[in-house]
Protein backbone atom coordinates (compact mmCIF):
# COMPACT_ATOMS: atom_id res chain seq x y z
CA MET A 1 -4.06 -7.32 19.91
CA GLY A 2 -3.95 -11.25 18.85
CA THR A 3 -2.61 -13.38 16.44
CA ILE A 4 -3.16 -12.84 13.04
CA THR A 5 -4.65 -16.20 11.06
CA ARG A 6 -5.43 -14.63 7.73
CA PHE A 7 -3.68 -11.59 6.27
CA GLU A 8 -7.17 -10.41 5.61
CA GLU A 9 -6.89 -9.52 9.03
CA ILE A 10 -3.80 -7.10 8.75
CA HIS A 11 -4.68 -3.71 9.12
CA ALA A 12 -2.15 -2.61 6.88
CA TRP A 13 -3.52 -4.81 4.00
CA ARG A 14 -7.01 -3.21 4.25
CA LYS A 15 -5.68 -0.03 4.10
CA ALA A 16 -4.06 -1.01 0.85
CA ARG A 17 -6.95 -2.45 -0.35
CA GLU A 18 -8.69 0.83 0.09
CA LEU A 19 -5.76 2.59 -1.87
CA VAL A 20 -6.45 0.06 -4.58
CA ARG A 21 -10.02 0.90 -5.01
CA GLU A 22 -9.63 4.41 -4.72
CA VAL A 23 -6.53 4.75 -7.40
CA TYR A 24 -8.51 2.48 -9.62
CA LYS A 25 -11.86 4.65 -9.54
CA ALA A 26 -9.54 8.25 -10.09
CA SER A 27 -7.81 6.59 -12.75
CA ASN A 28 -10.83 5.76 -14.42
CA ALA A 29 -11.51 9.35 -15.31
CA ASP A 30 -11.64 10.52 -18.81
CA LEU A 31 -8.13 12.14 -19.02
CA PHE A 32 -6.55 9.88 -16.95
CA ASN A 33 -8.04 6.62 -18.38
CA ARG A 34 -6.77 7.75 -21.70
CA ASP A 35 -3.17 7.71 -20.92
CA TYR A 36 -2.61 3.91 -20.56
CA GLY A 37 0.98 4.01 -19.47
CA LEU A 38 0.57 6.22 -16.63
CA LYS A 39 -2.84 4.62 -15.29
CA ASP A 40 -1.47 1.00 -15.65
CA GLN A 41 1.39 2.17 -13.65
CA ILE A 42 -0.35 3.86 -10.66
CA ARG A 43 -2.59 0.71 -10.60
CA ARG A 44 0.06 -1.60 -10.60
CA ALA A 45 1.67 0.39 -7.97
CA ALA A 46 -1.09 0.27 -5.60
CA VAL A 47 -1.92 -3.17 -6.02
CA SER A 48 1.54 -4.01 -5.40
CA SER A 49 1.66 -2.79 -2.23
CA MET A 50 -1.69 -4.93 -1.21
CA CYS A 51 -0.08 -8.00 -2.29
CA ASN A 52 3.32 -7.92 -0.96
CA ILE A 53 1.69 -7.90 2.53
CA ALA A 54 -0.41 -10.92 1.65
CA GLU A 55 2.87 -12.43 0.24
CA GLY A 56 4.78 -11.50 2.98
CA TYR A 57 2.55 -12.77 5.42
CA GLY A 58 2.89 -16.29 3.85
CA ARG A 59 6.69 -16.01 4.33
CA SER A 60 8.03 -18.71 6.80
CA SER A 61 10.17 -15.73 8.95
CA ASP A 62 9.38 -12.36 10.45
CA ARG A 63 12.39 -11.26 8.75
CA ASP A 64 10.96 -12.06 5.45
CA PHE A 65 7.80 -10.68 6.07
CA ALA A 66 9.25 -7.62 7.22
CA HIS A 67 11.23 -7.62 3.47
CA PHE A 68 7.93 -7.85 1.90
CA LEU A 69 6.37 -5.01 3.69
CA ASP A 70 9.15 -2.75 2.54
CA ILE A 71 8.24 -3.51 -0.75
CA ALA A 72 4.89 -2.94 0.14
CA ARG A 73 5.80 0.25 1.57
CA ALA A 74 7.80 1.46 -1.53
CA SER A 75 5.19 0.47 -3.92
CA ALA A 76 2.66 2.97 -1.75
CA LEU A 77 5.23 5.62 -2.35
CA GLU A 78 5.37 5.10 -5.93
CA VAL A 79 1.52 5.81 -6.01
CA GLN A 80 2.35 8.85 -4.15
CA SER A 81 5.21 9.89 -6.63
CA ILE A 82 2.75 9.05 -9.58
CA LEU A 83 -0.19 11.31 -7.97
CA TYR A 84 1.93 14.66 -8.73
CA VAL A 85 2.39 13.43 -12.41
CA ALA A 86 -1.79 13.42 -12.50
CA LEU A 87 -1.90 16.68 -10.57
CA ASP A 88 0.43 18.20 -12.97
CA LEU A 89 -1.16 16.86 -15.89
CA GLU A 90 -4.74 18.18 -14.73
CA TYR A 91 -5.93 14.29 -14.56
CA ILE A 92 -7.18 14.64 -10.82
CA ARG A 93 -8.08 17.60 -8.87
CA THR A 94 -6.08 18.79 -5.89
CA GLU A 95 -8.71 17.59 -3.41
CA GLU A 96 -8.50 14.48 -5.10
CA PHE A 97 -4.79 14.86 -5.13
CA ASN A 98 -4.86 15.21 -1.24
CA LYS A 99 -7.33 12.43 -0.57
CA LEU A 100 -5.33 10.03 -2.38
CA TYR A 101 -1.54 11.07 -1.28
CA ASP A 102 -3.25 11.05 2.44
CA LEU A 103 -4.52 7.22 1.85
CA ALA A 104 -1.17 6.06 0.54
CA ASN A 105 0.54 7.78 3.40
CA GLN A 106 -1.86 6.11 5.89
CA CYS A 107 -0.44 2.80 3.94
CA VAL A 108 3.11 3.49 4.60
CA SER A 109 2.83 4.77 7.86
CA MET A 110 1.20 1.04 8.79
CA ILE A 111 3.50 -0.51 7.00
CA THR A 112 6.92 0.81 8.59
CA GLY A 113 5.13 0.20 11.95
CA PHE A 114 4.48 -3.22 11.10
CA SER A 115 7.85 -3.68 9.42
CA SER A 116 9.41 -1.87 12.33
CA TYR A 117 7.73 -4.46 15.10
CA LEU A 118 8.72 -7.72 13.21
CA ARG A 119 12.63 -6.64 13.05
CA VAL A 120 12.28 -6.11 17.09
CA LYS A 121 9.95 -8.88 17.82
CA LYS A 122 12.20 -10.70 20.51
CA SER A 123 10.48 -14.20 20.57
CA PRO A 124 8.27 -16.13 18.23
CA GLU A 125 5.34 -16.65 20.63
CA SER A 126 4.89 -12.65 20.38
CA GLU A 127 1.53 -11.41 19.24
CA ILE A 128 1.65 -9.65 15.80
CA PRO A 129 -0.02 -6.11 15.57
CA ASN A 130 -2.42 -5.93 12.95
C-alpha cells in the first residue's frame, strides 16, 4: 500500500463512481425515469457518496477525512434504502436490485474500513490504504 496522491486512487472512490454509473443507468429505465423525485433522490445519494470521499481527501486531518467518509457511507446506505422503493414499485427487477444493492454494499464496506483505519492510525507518516 502506498501513499495516496490523488482522490482518484482511493478504491472506495472508484467503487462509488461505479455505483453512480450503475444507478444512473437503472434510473433511466422507463418507469423509474418518470418518477422524478425518486430518480433525483437516488442519483443525488449515489453522487454524494462519491463526492464526500473526494471532499474528505481534501481535508487537513485524518479525523476530518473520516467524518466525510461517514457521510459517504450514509449516502451509500441511502441508495440501498431507495432501491427497496424502486423494487417495491416495480421500477427495477429483483436481479437489478441485487446487483445494485451488492455494489452499494461493497462501497459501504470499503468506506467503513477506510474510515476505521483513519481513526486508529498512529503516526502521520503511516501509509493510507486505498
